[in-house]
Amino acid sequence: MKGEIIMLQFSIITITTFVTMLVSTTRYIATACFRKDISRTLPIFSIVYGVALALAGYYATNVDMGNNVIEAFFIGLSAGAAATGFNQVGKQLYKGLDIDFDEEEEDESEPEIDNSFGTLSSEDLSK
């Protein structure tokens, strides 16, 4: 084993994991620093990060990322799309549990106030 070059297997699963972390970091930076909601553009960031990591893996010396640039491009494209799907699975699981982390719990000891208005009859107006 001494003197052998170890080839790293940089697969779609590995890229998906890194892309998910990069997209989460991008979302955090955008909301914390710029106070912008970039939820609609996160799939685009995900695909761009996936392609960039796959092409970087293709040109790295000890990483096996396909036989040509086109293959590496499509590996990155599918890894970015998989990261978007992975993110959506988490959102749908939380949505099914009806958990809202942003709202405070209401105190049930306070009575509810009914703000609805009833209709008045002509007898009520004559009083």
C-alpha atoms as a PDB file:
ATOM      1  CA  MET A   1       0.000   0.000   0.000  1.00  0.00           C
ATOM      2  CA  LYS A   2       2.944   2.304   0.398  1.00  0.00           C
ATOM      3  CA  GLY A   3       3.447   4.395  -2.716  1.00  0.00           C
ATOM      4  CA  GLU A   4      -0.042   3.759  -4.119  1.00  0.00           C
ATOM      5  CA  ILE A   5      -2.224   6.649  -5.139  1.00  0.00           C
ATOM      6  CA  ILE A   6      -5.563   6.465  -3.409  1.00  0.00           C
ATOM      7  CA  MET A   7      -8.444   7.528  -5.643  1.00  0.00           C
ATOM      8  CA  LEU A   8     -11.269   9.273  -3.843  1.00  0.00           C
ATOM      9  CA  GLN A   9     -14.790   8.333  -4.810  1.00  0.00           C
ATOM     10  CA  PHE A  10     -16.643  11.608  -5.145  1.00  0.00           C
ATOM     11  CA  SER A  11     -20.183  10.437  -5.752  1.00  0.00           C
ATOM     12  CA  ILE A  12     -23.599  12.005  -6.164  1.00  0.00           C
ATOM     13  CA  ILE A  13     -24.385  11.298  -2.507  1.00  0.00           C
ATOM     14  CA  THR A  14     -21.243  13.089  -1.350  1.00  0.00           C
ATOM     15  CA  ILE A  15     -21.926  16.110  -3.546  1.00  0.00           C
ATOM     16  CA  THR A  16     -25.562  16.202  -2.382  1.00  0.00           C
ATOM     17  CA  THR A  17     -24.428  16.371   1.235  1.00  0.00           C
ATOM     18  CA  PHE A  18     -22.061  19.247   0.533  1.00  0.00           C
ATOM     19  CA  VAL A  19     -24.628  21.082  -1.592  1.00  0.00           C
ATOM     20  CA  THR A  20     -27.222  20.804   1.190  1.00  0.00           C
ATOM     21  CA  MET A  21     -24.760  22.348   3.651  1.00  0.00           C
ATOM     22  CA  LEU A  22     -23.832  25.122   1.182  1.00  0.00           C
ATOM     23  CA  VAL A  23     -27.476  25.972   0.471  1.00  0.00           C
ATOM     24  CA  SER A  24     -28.281  26.102   4.193  1.00  0.00           C
ATOM     25  CA  THR A  25     -25.307  28.413   4.714  1.00  0.00           C
ATOM     26  CA  THR A  26     -26.393  30.591   1.790  1.00  0.00           C
ATOM     27  CA  ARG A  27     -29.918  30.869   3.207  1.00  0.00           C
ATOM     28  CA  TYR A  28     -28.550  31.789   6.648  1.00  0.00           C
ATOM     29  CA  ILE A  29     -26.232  34.465   5.241  1.00  0.00           C
ATOM     30  CA  ALA A  30     -28.986  35.956   3.075  1.00  0.00           C
ATOM     31  CA  THR A  31     -31.459  36.206   5.945  1.00  0.00           C
ATOM     32  CA  ALA A  32     -28.964  37.298   8.604  1.00  0.00           C
ATOM     33  CA  CYS A  33     -26.900  39.814   6.651  1.00  0.00           C
ATOM     34  CA  PHE A  34     -29.127  41.023   3.837  1.00  0.00           C
ATOM     35  CA  ARG A  35     -32.552  40.377   5.422  1.00  0.00           C
ATOM     36  CA  LYS A  36     -33.867  38.840   2.208  1.00  0.00           C
ATOM     37  CA  ASP A  37     -35.902  35.703   1.679  1.00  0.00           C
ATOM     38  CA  ILE A  38     -34.240  33.730  -1.096  1.00  0.00           C
ATOM     39  CA  SER A  39     -36.398  30.621  -0.820  1.00  0.00           C
ATOM     40  CA  ARG A  40     -37.450  30.824  -4.456  1.00  0.00           C
ATOM     41  CA  THR A  41     -33.872  30.873  -5.748  1.00  0.00           C
ATOM     42  CA  LEU A  42     -32.456  28.114  -3.532  1.00  0.00           C
ATOM     43  CA  PRO A  43     -32.970  25.372  -6.163  1.00  0.00           C
ATOM     44  CA  ILE A  44     -30.888  27.432  -8.604  1.00  0.00           C
ATOM     45  CA  PHE A  45     -28.132  27.839  -5.996  1.00  0.00           C
ATOM     46  CA  SER A  46     -28.342  24.104  -5.357  1.00  0.00           C
ATOM     47  CA  ILE A  47     -27.807  23.184  -9.009  1.00  0.00           C
ATOM     48  CA  VAL A  48     -24.989  25.715  -9.442  1.00  0.00           C
ATOM     49  CA  TYR A  49     -23.208  24.403  -6.327  1.00  0.00           C
ATOM     50  CA  GLY A  50     -23.654  20.811  -7.522  1.00  0.00           C
ATOM     51  CA  VAL A  51     -22.195  21.519 -10.957  1.00  0.00           C
ATOM     52  CA  ALA A  52     -19.323  23.543  -9.457  1.00  0.00           C
ATOM     53  CA  LEU A  53     -18.407  20.757  -7.030  1.00  0.00           C
ATOM     54  CA  ALA A  54     -18.614  18.098  -9.736  1.00  0.00           C
ATOM     55  CA  LEU A  55     -16.399  20.072 -12.110  1.00  0.00           C
ATOM     56  CA  ALA A  56     -13.947  20.768  -9.294  1.00  0.00           C
ATOM     57  CA  GLY A  57     -13.951  17.047  -8.566  1.00  0.00           C
ATOM     58  CA  TYR A  58     -13.316  16.266 -12.232  1.00  0.00           C
ATOM     59  CA  TYR A  59     -10.290  18.544 -12.432  1.00  0.00           C
ATOM     60  CA  ALA A  60      -8.845  17.518  -9.044  1.00  0.00           C
ATOM     61  CA  THR A  61      -5.926  15.160  -9.330  1.00  0.00           C
ATOM     62  CA  ASN A  62      -6.960  12.281  -7.060  1.00  0.00           C
ATOM     63  CA  VAL A  63     -10.725  12.361  -7.540  1.00  0.00           C
ATOM     64  CA  ASP A  64     -12.609  10.091  -9.901  1.00  0.00           C
ATOM     65  CA  MET A  65     -15.572  12.095 -11.209  1.00  0.00           C
ATOM     66  CA  GLY A  66     -16.563  10.598 -14.538  1.00  0.00           C
ATOM     67  CA  ASN A  67     -14.730  10.127 -17.808  1.00  0.00           C
ATOM     68  CA  ASN A  68     -15.300  13.565 -19.338  1.00  0.00           C
ATOM     69  CA  VAL A  69     -16.527  17.058 -18.516  1.00  0.00           C
ATOM     70  CA  ILE A  70     -20.059  16.420 -19.805  1.00  0.00           C
ATOM     71  CA  GLU A  71     -20.437  13.435 -17.503  1.00  0.00           C
ATOM     72  CA  ALA A  72     -19.141  15.452 -14.549  1.00  0.00           C
ATOM     73  CA  PHE A  73     -21.572  18.258 -15.433  1.00  0.00           C
ATOM     74  CA  PHE A  74     -24.572  15.920 -15.377  1.00  0.00           C
ATOM     75  CA  ILE A  75     -23.404  14.294 -12.151  1.00  0.00           C
ATOM     76  CA  GLY A  76     -23.326  17.747 -10.551  1.00  0.00           C
ATOM     77  CA  LEU A  77     -26.686  18.660 -12.051  1.00  0.00           C
ATOM     78  CA  SER A  78     -28.346  15.555 -10.631  1.00  0.00           C
ATOM     79  CA  ALA A  79     -26.625  16.030  -7.263  1.00  0.00           C
ATOM     80  CA  GLY A  80     -27.912  19.616  -7.033  1.00  0.00           C
ATOM     81  CA  ALA A  81     -31.424  18.512  -7.913  1.00  0.00           C
ATOM     82  CA  ALA A  82     -31.189  15.716  -5.333  1.00  0.00           C
ATOM     83  CA  ALA A  83     -30.180  18.257  -2.685  1.00  0.00           C
ATOM     84  CA  THR A  84     -33.274  20.318  -3.522  1.00  0.00           C
ATOM     85  CA  GLY A  85     -35.453  17.229  -3.174  1.00  0.00           C
ATOM     86  CA  PHE A  86     -33.774  16.315   0.093  1.00  0.00           C
ATOM     87  CA  ASN A  87     -34.575  19.777   1.448  1.00  0.00           C
ATOM     88  CA  GLN A  88     -38.217  19.487   0.353  1.00  0.00           C
ATOM     89  CA  VAL A  89     -38.629  16.110   2.067  1.00  0.00           C
ATOM     90  CA  GLY A  90     -37.634  17.709   5.370  1.00  0.00           C
ATOM     91  CA  LYS A  91     -40.096  20.561   4.855  1.00  0.00           C
ATOM     92  CA  GLN A  92     -42.946  18.187   4.018  1.00  0.00           C
ATOM     93  CA  LEU A  93     -42.250  16.064   7.088  1.00  0.00           C
ATOM     94  CA  TYR A  94     -42.482  19.114   9.350  1.00  0.00           C
ATOM     95  CA  LYS A  95     -45.578  20.282   7.494  1.00  0.00           C
ATOM     96  CA  GLY A  96     -47.306  16.978   8.190  1.00  0.00           C
ATOM     97  CA  LEU A  97     -46.629  17.302  11.921  1.00  0.00           C
ATOM     98  CA  ASP A  98     -48.315  20.737  12.119  1.00  0.00           C
ATOM     99  CA  ILE A  99     -45.407  22.192  14.070  1.00  0.00           C
ATOM    100  CA  ASP A 100     -44.913  25.936  13.808  1.00  0.00           C
ATOM    101  CA  PHE A 101     -41.728  27.012  15.507  1.00  0.00           C
ATOM    102  CA  ASP A 102     -42.354  30.730  14.953  1.00  0.00           C
ATOM    103  CA  GLU A 103     -45.613  31.147  16.869  1.00  0.00           C
ATOM    104  CA  GLU A 104     -45.793  31.368  20.632  1.00  0.00           C
ATOM    105  CA  GLU A 105     -48.160  29.113  22.503  1.00  0.00           C
ATOM    106  CA  GLU A 106     -51.424  30.745  23.545  1.00  0.00           C
ATOM    107  CA  ASP A 107     -52.442  30.863  27.182  1.00  0.00           C
ATOM    108  CA  GLU A 108     -55.710  28.935  27.398  1.00  0.00           C
ATOM    109  CA  SER A 109     -56.711  30.501  30.734  1.00  0.00           C
ATOM    110  CA  GLU A 110     -57.634  33.800  29.068  1.00  0.00           C
ATOM    111  CA  PRO A 111     -61.138  33.964  27.601  1.00  0.00           C
ATOM    112  CA  GLU A 112     -61.528  34.437  23.875  1.00  0.00           C
ATOM    113  CA  ILE A 113     -63.071  37.689  22.682  1.00  0.00           C
ATOM    114  CA  ASP A 114     -65.775  37.467  20.061  1.00  0.00           C
ATOM    115  CA  ASN A 115     -65.361  40.380  17.649  1.00  0.00           C
ATOM    116  CA  SER A 116     -68.203  39.418  15.332  1.00  0.00           C
ATOM    117  CA  PHE A 117     -71.138  41.789  14.937  1.00  0.00           C
ATOM    118  CA  GLY A 118     -74.734  40.621  15.005  1.00  0.00           C
ATOM    119  CA  THR A 119     -77.580  42.029  12.966  1.00  0.00           C
ATOM    120  CA  LEU A 120     -79.985  44.537  14.481  1.00  0.00           C
ATOM    121  CA  SER A 121     -83.714  44.306  14.002  1.00  0.00           C
ATOM    122  CA  SER A 122     -86.108  47.264  13.808  1.00  0.00           C
ATOM    123  CA  GLU A 123     -87.281  46.513  17.377  1.00  0.00           C
ATOM    124  CA  ASP A 124     -83.712  46.923  18.689  1.00  0.00           C
ATOM    125  CA  LEU A 125     -83.409  50.309  17.002  1.00  0.00           C
ATOM    126  CA  SER A 126     -86.672  51.622  18.468  1.00  0.00           C
ATOM    127  CA  LYS A 127     -85.566  51.016  22.067  1.00  0.00           C
END
